[in-house]
Amino acid sequence: TRTTSNARSSFKSDRSLPFEREAQAPPLRLLHCTMVLTTVLDVQMSCKGCSGACGRILKKLDGVESFETSLETQKVTVVHDESKVTSEDVLAALKKWGDAGGKTVALAA
């Protein structure tokens, strides 16, 4: 006796039809979220030398994106990446300078 098989029914492919495939989730992408903050400090500055010193200190801090010093209002405004440098870090750096020079430095109310 001879058995014949239908070629279509016995053939199995590794490829499946689109509706037979299991749904796969797209690969995960990790995104780094940054939180940019603006910190305002009351800094006792009596001259351009004081505001320049504040600027030099802030330029050394990784994460500080920009800053502005004002002799008229006695304020320093700092825009920074909170994941790299916190408001407390900015305050501590300027307070160290202020303590050495007898200047007051505090977070603005």
C-alpha atoms as a PDB file:
ATOM      1  CA  THR A   1       0.000   0.000   0.000  1.00  0.00           C
ATOM      2  CA  ARG A   2       1.080   3.427  -0.722  1.00  0.00           C
ATOM      3  CA  THR A   3       0.164   6.517   1.353  1.00  0.00           C
ATOM      4  CA  THR A   4       0.149   9.866  -0.167  1.00  0.00           C
ATOM      5  CA  SER A   5      -0.042  12.970   1.825  1.00  0.00           C
ATOM      6  CA  ASN A   6      -1.149  16.311   0.723  1.00  0.00           C
ATOM      7  CA  ALA A   7       1.921  18.571   0.492  1.00  0.00           C
ATOM      8  CA  ARG A   8       0.049  21.557   1.851  1.00  0.00           C
ATOM      9  CA  SER A   9      -1.226  19.849   4.949  1.00  0.00           C
ATOM     10  CA  SER A  10       2.122  18.325   5.934  1.00  0.00           C
ATOM     11  CA  PHE A  11       4.264  21.388   5.252  1.00  0.00           C
ATOM     12  CA  LYS A  12       4.965  23.558   8.248  1.00  0.00           C
ATOM     13  CA  SER A  13       6.729  26.860   7.922  1.00  0.00           C
ATOM     14  CA  ASP A  14       8.644  28.738  10.588  1.00  0.00           C
ATOM     15  CA  ARG A  15       6.934  31.850   9.367  1.00  0.00           C
ATOM     16  CA  SER A  16       3.498  32.549  10.707  1.00  0.00           C
ATOM     17  CA  LEU A  17       0.819  34.689   9.250  1.00  0.00           C
ATOM     18  CA  PRO A  18       0.465  38.214  10.672  1.00  0.00           C
ATOM     19  CA  PHE A  19      -2.723  37.346  12.553  1.00  0.00           C
ATOM     20  CA  GLU A  20      -1.065  34.292  14.120  1.00  0.00           C
ATOM     21  CA  ARG A  21       1.882  36.166  15.604  1.00  0.00           C
ATOM     22  CA  GLU A  22       1.878  37.009  19.250  1.00  0.00           C
ATOM     23  CA  ALA A  23       1.796  40.689  19.971  1.00  0.00           C
ATOM     24  CA  GLN A  24       5.184  41.919  21.121  1.00  0.00           C
ATOM     25  CA  ALA A  25       5.706  45.051  23.108  1.00  0.00           C
ATOM     26  CA  PRO A  26       8.060  47.587  21.565  1.00  0.00           C
ATOM     27  CA  PRO A  27      11.497  47.772  23.181  1.00  0.00           C
ATOM     28  CA  LEU A  28      11.638  49.947  26.265  1.00  0.00           C
ATOM     29  CA  ARG A  29      13.438  53.236  26.070  1.00  0.00           C
ATOM     30  CA  LEU A  30      14.742  54.813  29.209  1.00  0.00           C
ATOM     31  CA  LEU A  31      14.410  58.538  29.191  1.00  0.00           C
ATOM     32  CA  HIS A  32      16.371  60.764  31.479  1.00  0.00           C
ATOM     33  CA  CYS A  33      14.040  63.322  32.936  1.00  0.00           C
ATOM     34  CA  THR A  34      15.530  66.511  34.185  1.00  0.00           C
ATOM     35  CA  MET A  35      13.945  68.990  36.485  1.00  0.00           C
ATOM     36  CA  VAL A  36      15.075  72.532  35.853  1.00  0.00           C
ATOM     37  CA  LEU A  37      14.536  74.858  38.789  1.00  0.00           C
ATOM     38  CA  THR A  38      15.022  78.533  39.385  1.00  0.00           C
ATOM     39  CA  THR A  39      16.432  79.417  42.783  1.00  0.00           C
ATOM     40  CA  VAL A  40      16.518  83.001  44.027  1.00  0.00           C
ATOM     41  CA  LEU A  41      18.884  83.969  46.816  1.00  0.00           C
ATOM     42  CA  ASP A  42      19.300  87.130  48.874  1.00  0.00           C
ATOM     43  CA  VAL A  43      23.015  87.874  48.726  1.00  0.00           C
ATOM     44  CA  GLN A  44      24.689  90.848  50.368  1.00  0.00           C
ATOM     45  CA  MET A  45      26.823  92.306  47.569  1.00  0.00           C
ATOM     46  CA  SER A  46      28.488  95.708  47.874  1.00  0.00           C
ATOM     47  CA  CYS A  47      30.314  95.953  44.542  1.00  0.00           C
ATOM     48  CA  LYS A  48      30.937  94.354  41.148  1.00  0.00           C
ATOM     49  CA  GLY A  49      33.678  92.298  42.751  1.00  0.00           C
ATOM     50  CA  CYS A  50      31.092  90.572  44.936  1.00  0.00           C
ATOM     51  CA  SER A  51      28.762  89.852  42.023  1.00  0.00           C
ATOM     52  CA  GLY A  52      31.734  88.627  39.981  1.00  0.00           C
ATOM     53  CA  ALA A  53      32.774  86.280  42.780  1.00  0.00           C
ATOM     54  CA  CYS A  54      29.251  84.860  42.902  1.00  0.00           C
ATOM     55  CA  GLY A  55      29.385  84.299  39.155  1.00  0.00           C
ATOM     56  CA  ARG A  56      32.729  82.498  39.335  1.00  0.00           C
ATOM     57  CA  ILE A  57      31.414  80.212  42.084  1.00  0.00           C
ATOM     58  CA  LEU A  58      28.237  79.387  40.151  1.00  0.00           C
ATOM     59  CA  LYS A  59      30.151  78.644  36.934  1.00  0.00           C
ATOM     60  CA  LYS A  60      32.038  75.896  38.771  1.00  0.00           C
ATOM     61  CA  LEU A  61      28.856  74.076  39.812  1.00  0.00           C
ATOM     62  CA  ASP A  62      27.903  71.287  37.392  1.00  0.00           C
ATOM     63  CA  GLY A  63      24.228  71.629  36.540  1.00  0.00           C
ATOM     64  CA  VAL A  64      23.978  75.432  36.681  1.00  0.00           C
ATOM     65  CA  GLU A  65      22.511  76.458  33.332  1.00  0.00           C
ATOM     66  CA  SER A  66      22.402  80.215  33.853  1.00  0.00           C
ATOM     67  CA  PHE A  67      22.439  82.863  36.552  1.00  0.00           C
ATOM     68  CA  GLU A  68      21.887  86.569  37.049  1.00  0.00           C
ATOM     69  CA  THR A  69      23.248  88.810  39.772  1.00  0.00           C
ATOM     70  CA  SER A  70      21.730  92.160  40.694  1.00  0.00           C
ATOM     71  CA  LEU A  71      23.501  94.699  42.885  1.00  0.00           C
ATOM     72  CA  GLU A  72      20.337  96.865  42.984  1.00  0.00           C
ATOM     73  CA  THR A  73      18.058  94.160  44.415  1.00  0.00           C
ATOM     74  CA  GLN A  74      20.827  92.186  46.184  1.00  0.00           C
ATOM     75  CA  LYS A  75      19.508  88.998  44.535  1.00  0.00           C
ATOM     76  CA  VAL A  76      21.108  86.132  42.654  1.00  0.00           C
ATOM     77  CA  THR A  77      18.830  84.097  40.388  1.00  0.00           C
ATOM     78  CA  VAL A  78      20.107  80.655  39.386  1.00  0.00           C
ATOM     79  CA  VAL A  79      18.582  78.290  36.815  1.00  0.00           C
ATOM     80  CA  HIS A  80      19.859  74.777  37.450  1.00  0.00           C
ATOM     81  CA  ASP A  81      19.265  71.073  36.793  1.00  0.00           C
ATOM     82  CA  GLU A  82      17.971  69.665  40.089  1.00  0.00           C
ATOM     83  CA  SER A  83      19.319  66.180  39.269  1.00  0.00           C
ATOM     84  CA  LYS A  84      22.876  67.568  39.192  1.00  0.00           C
ATOM     85  CA  VAL A  85      22.849  70.416  41.697  1.00  0.00           C
ATOM     86  CA  THR A  86      20.166  71.201  44.264  1.00  0.00           C
ATOM     87  CA  SER A  87      19.075  74.538  45.668  1.00  0.00           C
ATOM     88  CA  GLU A  88      20.819  73.554  48.900  1.00  0.00           C
ATOM     89  CA  ASP A  89      24.081  72.965  46.981  1.00  0.00           C
ATOM     90  CA  VAL A  90      23.848  76.420  45.404  1.00  0.00           C
ATOM     91  CA  LEU A  91      23.097  77.975  48.786  1.00  0.00           C
ATOM     92  CA  ALA A  92      25.998  76.127  50.455  1.00  0.00           C
ATOM     93  CA  ALA A  93      28.491  77.229  47.788  1.00  0.00           C
ATOM     94  CA  LEU A  94      27.523  80.897  48.041  1.00  0.00           C
ATOM     95  CA  LYS A  95      27.217  80.749  51.829  1.00  0.00           C
ATOM     96  CA  LYS A  96      30.808  79.488  52.077  1.00  0.00           C
ATOM     97  CA  TRP A  97      31.938  82.571  50.144  1.00  0.00           C
ATOM     98  CA  GLY A  98      29.637  84.829  52.195  1.00  0.00           C
ATOM     99  CA  ASP A  99      30.876  83.486  55.531  1.00  0.00           C
ATOM    100  CA  ALA A 100      34.497  84.082  54.512  1.00  0.00           C
ATOM    101  CA  GLY A 101      33.745  87.679  53.502  1.00  0.00           C
ATOM    102  CA  GLY A 102      31.261  88.566  56.221  1.00  0.00           C
ATOM    103  CA  LYS A 103      28.327  88.682  53.760  1.00  0.00           C
ATOM    104  CA  THR A 104      24.864  87.279  54.371  1.00  0.00           C
ATOM    105  CA  VAL A 105      23.485  84.676  51.966  1.00  0.00           C
ATOM    106  CA  ALA A 106      20.009  83.111  52.244  1.00  0.00           C
ATOM    107  CA  LEU A 107      17.239  81.682  50.110  1.00  0.00           C
ATOM    108  CA  ALA A 108      14.842  84.446  49.121  1.00  0.00           C
ATOM    109  CA  ALA A 109      11.442  84.392  50.806  1.00  0.00           C
END
